[in-house]
Amino acid sequence: MYGFEALTFNVHGGYLEAIVRGYRSGLLTAADYNNLCQCETLDDVKMHLSATEYGPYLQNEPSPLHTTTIVEKCTLKLVDEYKHMLCQATEPLSTFLEYITYGYMIDNVVLIVTGTLHERDVQELLEKCHPLGMFDSIATLAVAQNMRELYRLVLVDTPLAPYFSECITSEDLDDMNIEIMRNTLYKAYLEDFYNFCQKLGGATAEIMSDLLAFEADRRAVNITINSIGTELTRDDRRKLYSNFGLLYPYGHEELAICEDIDQVRGVMEKYPPYQSIFAKISYGESQMLDKAFYEEEVKRLCLAFEQQFHYAVFFAYMRLSEQEIRNLMWISECVAQNQKSRIHDSVVFIF
């Protein structure tokens, strides 16, 4: 029904689209970031943020401030906004918004399982979990010894249950298996979300397929780089790539046999949208790759707001807020550790 969304979209989605566009106008601008980069202490950071949407969340925090407090409060703002949108949403938007949180759930599961493996305190781990990825039985994850138990005891009642079908094995959980589990779950999640968006059709399908394809390709590149020099075989690596995206299927075949970062670069430069990303990075270095990918993602997310009558703006806003929180965390850490010369290394300007 592409092109006719304008007729009926505003019946259920108009109010929330207006709300999310209002939220978006409250994101920090380049001028805000320039002011934050001049700060000498975390109290200065708090003072600058008091004039922004984060003001009410930080105003009652006593000195001395810590980076974790700033990040926690900024995340709380995002959670409040998300919950407000979810309360007002009707189908299929409510399902779309729930899909956005599944990524956080996967990260939380992996965090708790990894922490338990290294004998960390469960309560301490729960405090580190992202609030949008919490579910009722999350604390009991600590009892599982292998994937099968993890599924049977805990995850069978969560939205992640269908994604576990590919990674249920009786092997004990170790760091390598947990990382494979994370990537297998993400693969299933992205494919499911992609198919859901295709069913919605129209501008939502068009814009979301581009954003999710970018995410799938970025994960494929990261999996390739992180698995170089490990015991992961080429076939195992190939299985972790999502079955859609610009690189699917021929780019995946080439990535699966890469032995170093320069070979990965050679594969990616065949795809025009990714040429510009790798052009920013000198040969043999992968440290700046994350930032280059984030910059490209922010560009694409901002473009989602250029069209109306679609759900991709909700996804875009959540992702842009996440990036903003990452920026604030980096700036706060640099200020706290007196490393102001390194502030611009990781800050990605949104507007």
Protein backbone atom coordinates (compact mmCIF):
# COMPACT_ATOMS: atom_id res chain seq x y z
CA MET A 1 0.00 0.00 0.00
CA TYR A 2 2.99 2.29 -0.58
CA GLY A 3 1.98 5.88 -1.14
CA PHE A 4 -1.40 5.69 0.61
CA GLU A 5 -0.20 5.75 4.23
CA ALA A 6 -1.20 9.42 4.49
CA LEU A 7 -4.88 8.46 4.29
CA THR A 8 -5.02 6.38 7.46
CA PHE A 9 -1.69 6.67 9.29
CA ASN A 10 -2.71 9.58 11.53
CA VAL A 11 -5.74 7.71 12.90
CA HIS A 12 -3.50 5.65 15.18
CA GLY A 13 0.05 6.84 14.57
CA GLY A 14 -0.24 10.61 14.15
CA TYR A 15 -0.02 11.57 17.83
CA LEU A 16 2.99 9.34 18.49
CA GLU A 17 4.82 10.42 15.37
CA ALA A 18 4.41 14.03 16.54
CA ILE A 19 5.67 13.04 20.00
CA VAL A 20 8.78 11.27 18.66
CA ARG A 21 9.59 14.18 16.35
CA GLY A 22 9.30 16.46 19.39
CA TYR A 23 11.71 14.21 21.30
CA ARG A 24 14.08 14.32 18.37
CA SER A 25 14.19 18.12 18.45
CA GLY A 26 15.49 17.82 22.03
CA LEU A 27 18.63 15.90 21.01
CA LEU A 28 21.92 17.71 21.67
CA THR A 29 23.26 19.90 18.86
CA ALA A 30 26.85 20.56 17.77
CA ALA A 31 26.80 23.76 19.88
CA ASP A 32 25.86 21.70 22.98
CA TYR A 33 28.73 19.29 22.31
CA ASN A 34 31.18 22.17 21.85
CA ASN A 35 30.11 23.54 25.25
CA LEU A 36 30.42 20.11 26.87
CA CYS A 37 33.93 19.71 25.43
CA GLN A 38 35.00 22.87 27.28
CA CYS A 39 33.98 21.52 30.70
CA GLU A 40 36.62 21.16 33.40
CA THR A 41 34.66 18.97 35.86
CA LEU A 42 31.62 16.70 35.84
CA ASP A 43 29.69 19.40 37.71
CA ASP A 44 30.27 21.67 34.70
CA VAL A 45 28.88 18.89 32.49
CA LYS A 46 25.81 18.71 34.74
CA MET A 47 25.40 22.49 34.57
CA HIS A 48 25.46 22.48 30.75
CA LEU A 49 23.02 19.57 30.61
CA SER A 50 20.64 21.36 32.99
CA ALA A 51 19.53 23.59 30.09
CA THR A 52 18.69 20.53 27.95
CA GLU A 53 16.06 17.78 28.16
CA TYR A 54 18.34 15.97 30.65
CA GLY A 55 18.04 18.83 33.19
CA PRO A 56 15.17 17.42 35.32
CA TYR A 57 16.90 14.03 35.58
CA LEU A 58 20.20 15.44 36.85
CA GLN A 59 19.05 18.40 38.94
CA ASN A 60 18.82 16.53 42.27
CA GLU A 61 22.13 14.69 41.97
CA PRO A 62 24.61 15.76 44.67
CA SER A 63 28.31 16.45 44.10
CA PRO A 64 30.71 14.81 43.51
CA LEU A 65 29.17 13.30 40.37
CA HIS A 66 30.34 10.10 38.70
CA THR A 67 30.19 9.18 35.01
CA THR A 68 27.98 6.19 35.84
CA THR A 69 25.40 8.52 37.47
CA ILE A 70 25.23 10.74 34.38
CA VAL A 71 24.84 7.74 32.05
CA GLU A 72 22.24 6.17 34.36
CA LYS A 73 20.10 9.31 34.46
CA CYS A 74 20.37 9.90 30.70
CA THR A 75 19.31 6.28 30.10
CA LEU A 76 16.39 6.80 32.50
CA LYS A 77 15.17 9.67 30.30
CA LEU A 78 15.22 7.39 27.24
CA VAL A 79 13.38 4.63 29.16
CA ASP A 80 10.67 7.07 30.31
CA GLU A 81 10.16 8.31 26.75
CA TYR A 82 10.00 4.77 25.40
CA LYS A 83 7.46 3.70 28.04
CA HIS A 84 5.29 6.72 27.29
CA MET A 85 5.28 5.83 23.57
CA LEU A 86 4.59 2.15 24.25
CA CYS A 87 1.61 3.01 26.53
CA GLN A 88 0.02 5.11 23.79
CA ALA A 89 0.75 2.71 20.91
CA THR A 90 -1.75 0.39 19.23
CA GLU A 91 -1.01 -2.57 16.95
CA PRO A 92 1.12 -2.93 14.87
CA LEU A 93 3.19 -0.05 16.32
CA SER A 94 3.23 -1.58 19.83
CA THR A 95 4.76 -4.79 18.43
CA PHE A 96 7.27 -2.71 16.43
CA LEU A 97 8.31 -0.86 19.62
CA GLU A 98 8.65 -4.16 21.50
CA TYR A 99 10.95 -5.49 18.76
CA ILE A 100 13.31 -2.58 19.45
CA THR A 101 13.87 -3.86 23.02
CA TYR A 102 14.81 -7.44 22.04
CA GLY A 103 18.39 -6.34 21.26
CA TYR A 104 18.74 -5.04 24.83
CA MET A 105 17.34 -8.35 26.15
CA ILE A 106 20.00 -10.30 24.25
CA ASP A 107 22.75 -8.03 25.65
CA ASN A 108 21.39 -8.47 29.19
CA VAL A 109 21.26 -12.28 28.87
CA VAL A 110 24.86 -12.35 27.63
CA LEU A 111 25.99 -9.94 30.38
CA ILE A 112 24.50 -12.07 33.16
CA VAL A 113 25.70 -15.39 31.75
CA THR A 114 29.25 -14.05 31.21
CA GLY A 115 29.31 -12.44 34.68
CA THR A 116 28.14 -15.67 36.32
CA LEU A 117 30.85 -17.58 34.46
CA HIS A 118 33.43 -15.23 36.00
CA GLU A 119 31.78 -15.60 39.44
CA ARG A 120 30.48 -12.04 39.69
CA ASP A 121 27.65 -11.18 42.08
CA VAL A 122 24.22 -11.48 40.40
CA GLN A 123 22.85 -8.35 42.07
CA GLU A 124 25.80 -6.32 40.82
CA LEU A 125 25.22 -7.69 37.30
CA LEU A 126 21.51 -6.85 37.39
CA GLU A 127 22.36 -3.22 38.18
CA LYS A 128 24.48 -3.11 35.01
CA CYS A 129 21.68 -4.46 32.80
CA HIS A 130 19.91 -2.10 30.42
CA PRO A 131 16.44 -1.25 31.84
CA LEU A 132 14.74 -1.74 28.45
CA GLY A 133 15.98 -5.33 28.27
CA MET A 134 14.69 -6.55 31.63
CA PHE A 135 12.22 -9.43 31.97
CA ASP A 136 10.72 -11.25 34.98
CA SER A 137 12.98 -14.29 35.19
CA ILE A 138 16.27 -12.55 34.34
CA ALA A 139 17.81 -13.09 37.81
CA THR A 140 17.51 -16.88 37.48
CA LEU A 141 19.83 -16.91 34.43
CA ALA A 142 22.71 -17.45 36.85
CA VAL A 143 21.75 -21.08 37.51
CA ALA A 144 22.19 -22.31 33.92
CA GLN A 145 25.22 -24.45 33.09
CA ASN A 146 24.66 -24.85 29.33
CA MET A 147 22.51 -23.51 26.51
CA ARG A 148 19.84 -26.18 26.90
CA GLU A 149 19.30 -25.32 30.58
CA LEU A 150 19.39 -21.62 29.82
CA TYR A 151 16.50 -22.11 27.39
CA ARG A 152 14.49 -24.63 29.41
CA LEU A 153 14.68 -22.88 32.78
CA VAL A 154 14.51 -19.22 31.84
CA LEU A 155 14.14 -18.10 28.27
CA VAL A 156 11.29 -20.31 27.10
CA ASP A 157 8.76 -17.76 28.42
CA THR A 158 10.47 -14.66 27.00
CA PRO A 159 10.17 -13.10 23.52
CA LEU A 160 13.68 -14.44 22.79
CA ALA A 161 12.49 -18.08 22.86
CA PRO A 162 12.08 -18.48 19.05
CA TYR A 163 15.64 -17.17 18.47
CA PHE A 164 17.17 -19.88 20.63
CA SER A 165 16.26 -22.78 18.32
CA GLU A 166 19.58 -22.45 16.45
CA CYS A 167 21.87 -22.30 19.46
CA ILE A 168 20.55 -24.96 21.83
CA THR A 169 23.51 -27.26 22.49
CA SER A 170 24.60 -29.25 25.52
CA GLU A 171 28.08 -27.72 25.47
CA ASP A 172 29.10 -25.97 28.66
CA LEU A 173 29.04 -22.20 28.57
CA ASP A 174 32.46 -20.63 28.08
CA ASP A 175 33.51 -17.24 26.66
CA MET A 176 33.68 -18.50 23.06
CA ASN A 177 30.29 -20.26 23.22
CA ILE A 178 28.65 -17.23 24.82
CA GLU A 179 29.94 -14.95 22.05
CA ILE A 180 28.66 -17.40 19.42
CA MET A 181 25.32 -17.48 21.27
CA ARG A 182 25.12 -13.65 21.24
CA ASN A 183 25.74 -13.47 17.49
CA THR A 184 23.38 -16.34 16.68
CA LEU A 185 20.62 -14.68 18.71
CA TYR A 186 21.26 -11.33 17.04
CA LYS A 187 21.16 -12.95 13.62
CA ALA A 188 17.76 -14.56 14.35
CA TYR A 189 16.47 -11.32 15.91
CA LEU A 190 17.50 -9.10 12.98
CA GLU A 191 16.01 -11.51 10.44
CA ASP A 192 12.75 -11.69 12.40
CA PHE A 193 12.56 -7.88 12.75
CA TYR A 194 13.36 -7.49 9.03
CA ASN A 195 10.56 -9.89 8.03
CA PHE A 196 8.12 -8.14 10.38
CA CYS A 197 8.94 -4.76 8.75
CA GLN A 198 8.49 -6.26 5.28
CA LYS A 199 4.99 -7.39 6.28
CA LEU A 200 4.13 -3.85 7.42
CA GLY A 201 4.96 -2.64 3.90
CA GLY A 202 5.05 0.93 2.63
CA ALA A 203 7.62 3.50 3.75
CA THR A 204 8.23 1.59 7.01
CA ALA A 205 9.42 -1.47 5.05
CA GLU A 206 11.54 0.62 2.69
CA ILE A 207 13.37 2.66 5.35
CA MET A 208 13.66 -0.10 7.97
CA SER A 209 15.03 -2.60 5.45
CA ASP A 210 17.84 -0.12 4.70
CA LEU A 211 18.58 0.52 8.40
CA LEU A 212 18.46 -3.18 9.36
CA ALA A 213 20.54 -4.17 6.32
CA PHE A 214 23.21 -1.70 7.45
CA GLU A 215 23.11 -3.19 10.97
CA ALA A 216 23.41 -6.74 9.55
CA ASP A 217 26.38 -5.75 7.36
CA ARG A 218 28.13 -3.98 10.25
CA ARG A 219 27.71 -7.09 12.41
CA ALA A 220 29.11 -9.26 9.59
CA VAL A 221 32.23 -7.05 9.40
CA ASN A 222 32.67 -7.05 13.21
CA ILE A 223 32.23 -10.82 13.44
CA THR A 224 34.85 -11.28 10.71
CA ILE A 225 37.40 -8.96 12.33
CA ASN A 226 36.84 -10.36 15.86
CA SER A 227 37.12 -13.97 14.71
CA ILE A 228 40.44 -13.52 12.86
CA GLY A 229 43.02 -15.61 14.69
CA THR A 230 40.47 -17.60 16.74
CA GLU A 231 39.46 -21.25 16.37
CA LEU A 232 36.18 -20.29 14.66
CA THR A 233 36.08 -22.11 11.31
CA ARG A 234 35.02 -20.45 8.05
CA ASP A 235 31.73 -22.36 8.01
CA ASP A 236 30.96 -21.37 11.61
CA ARG A 237 31.72 -17.75 10.79
CA ARG A 238 29.47 -17.90 7.73
CA LYS A 239 26.58 -19.22 9.86
CA LEU A 240 26.69 -16.12 12.08
CA TYR A 241 26.01 -13.70 9.19
CA SER A 242 22.39 -12.55 8.70
CA ASN A 243 20.60 -13.76 5.56
CA PHE A 244 19.88 -10.28 4.20
CA GLY A 245 21.71 -7.01 3.65
CA LEU A 246 23.85 -5.51 0.92
CA LEU A 247 26.62 -8.08 1.49
CA TYR A 248 24.26 -11.05 1.25
CA PRO A 249 25.14 -13.55 -0.23
CA TYR A 250 28.34 -12.89 -2.23
CA GLY A 251 29.98 -10.51 0.25
CA HIS A 252 29.43 -13.07 3.02
CA GLU A 253 31.21 -15.75 0.99
CA GLU A 254 34.21 -13.45 0.62
CA LEU A 255 34.19 -12.25 4.26
CA ALA A 256 34.11 -15.85 5.51
CA ILE A 257 37.58 -16.50 4.04
CA CYS A 258 39.27 -13.23 5.12
CA GLU A 259 42.45 -13.68 7.14
CA ASP A 260 43.23 -10.07 8.10
CA ILE A 261 41.71 -6.55 8.26
CA ASP A 262 43.11 -5.52 4.84
CA GLN A 263 41.33 -8.43 3.16
CA VAL A 264 38.09 -7.33 4.88
CA ARG A 265 38.73 -3.85 3.51
CA GLY A 266 39.23 -5.27 0.01
CA VAL A 267 35.83 -6.99 0.17
CA MET A 268 33.99 -3.96 1.55
CA GLU A 269 35.42 -1.52 -1.00
CA LYS A 270 33.54 -3.38 -3.74
CA TYR A 271 30.31 -2.01 -2.26
CA PRO A 272 29.91 1.75 -2.97
CA PRO A 273 27.99 2.65 0.26
CA TYR A 274 30.83 1.21 2.36
CA GLN A 275 33.71 2.67 0.34
CA SER A 276 33.43 6.00 2.15
CA ILE A 277 33.59 4.28 5.55
CA PHE A 278 36.82 2.45 4.76
CA ALA A 279 38.30 5.49 3.01
CA LYS A 280 38.48 7.20 6.45
CA ILE A 281 40.65 4.41 7.87
CA SER A 282 44.31 3.84 7.06
CA TYR A 283 45.48 0.31 6.18
CA GLY A 284 45.90 -2.18 9.00
CA GLU A 285 44.00 -0.25 11.66
CA SER A 286 40.55 -1.20 12.90
CA GLN A 287 40.26 1.04 15.99
CA MET A 288 38.54 3.88 14.13
CA LEU A 289 36.22 1.51 12.25
CA ASP A 290 33.54 1.60 14.97
CA LYS A 291 33.40 5.39 14.88
CA ALA A 292 33.19 5.42 11.06
CA PHE A 293 30.28 2.95 11.19
CA TYR A 294 28.53 4.99 13.90
CA GLU A 295 28.87 8.17 11.80
CA GLU A 296 27.36 6.45 8.77
CA GLU A 297 24.55 5.01 10.91
CA VAL A 298 23.72 8.44 12.39
CA LYS A 299 23.54 9.88 8.86
CA ARG A 300 21.05 7.18 7.81
CA LEU A 301 19.00 7.52 11.00
CA CYS A 302 18.66 11.29 10.52
CA LEU A 303 17.43 10.69 6.96
CA ALA A 304 14.58 8.53 8.36
CA PHE A 305 13.03 11.74 9.73
CA GLU A 306 12.84 13.25 6.24
CA GLN A 307 9.82 11.09 5.34
CA GLN A 308 6.47 10.99 7.09
CA PHE A 309 3.85 8.34 7.87
CA HIS A 310 6.15 5.48 8.83
CA TYR A 311 7.39 3.71 11.98
CA ALA A 312 11.13 3.91 11.25
CA VAL A 313 11.27 7.27 13.10
CA PHE A 314 10.75 5.41 16.39
CA PHE A 315 13.67 3.07 15.69
CA ALA A 316 15.79 6.01 14.50
CA TYR A 317 15.05 8.06 17.61
CA MET A 318 15.97 5.19 19.96
CA ARG A 319 19.25 4.63 18.11
CA LEU A 320 20.14 8.34 18.02
CA SER A 321 19.46 8.59 21.78
CA GLU A 322 21.73 5.60 22.37
CA GLN A 323 24.46 7.34 20.38
CA GLU A 324 23.92 10.52 22.39
CA ILE A 325 24.32 8.58 25.65
CA ARG A 326 27.53 7.00 24.30
CA ASN A 327 28.80 10.51 23.46
CA LEU A 328 27.97 11.80 26.94
CA MET A 329 29.65 8.80 28.56
CA TRP A 330 32.83 9.38 26.54
CA ILE A 331 32.90 13.14 27.24
CA SER A 332 32.26 12.55 30.97
CA GLU A 333 35.02 9.93 31.17
CA CYS A 334 37.50 12.22 29.39
CA VAL A 335 36.63 15.13 31.69
CA ALA A 336 36.80 12.94 34.83
CA GLN A 337 40.19 11.50 33.84
CA ASN A 338 41.57 14.84 32.65
CA GLN A 339 42.03 13.57 29.08
CA LYS A 340 40.28 16.42 27.27
CA SER A 341 42.58 16.11 24.25
CA ARG A 342 40.93 12.76 23.46
CA ILE A 343 37.31 13.95 23.61
CA HIS A 344 36.93 14.18 19.83
CA ASP A 345 38.28 10.64 19.28
CA SER A 346 34.89 9.02 19.87
CA VAL A 347 32.21 11.71 19.83
CA VAL A 348 29.82 11.35 16.87
CA PHE A 349 27.93 14.57 16.18
CA ILE A 350 24.25 13.91 15.45
CA PHE A 351 23.19 17.27 13.97
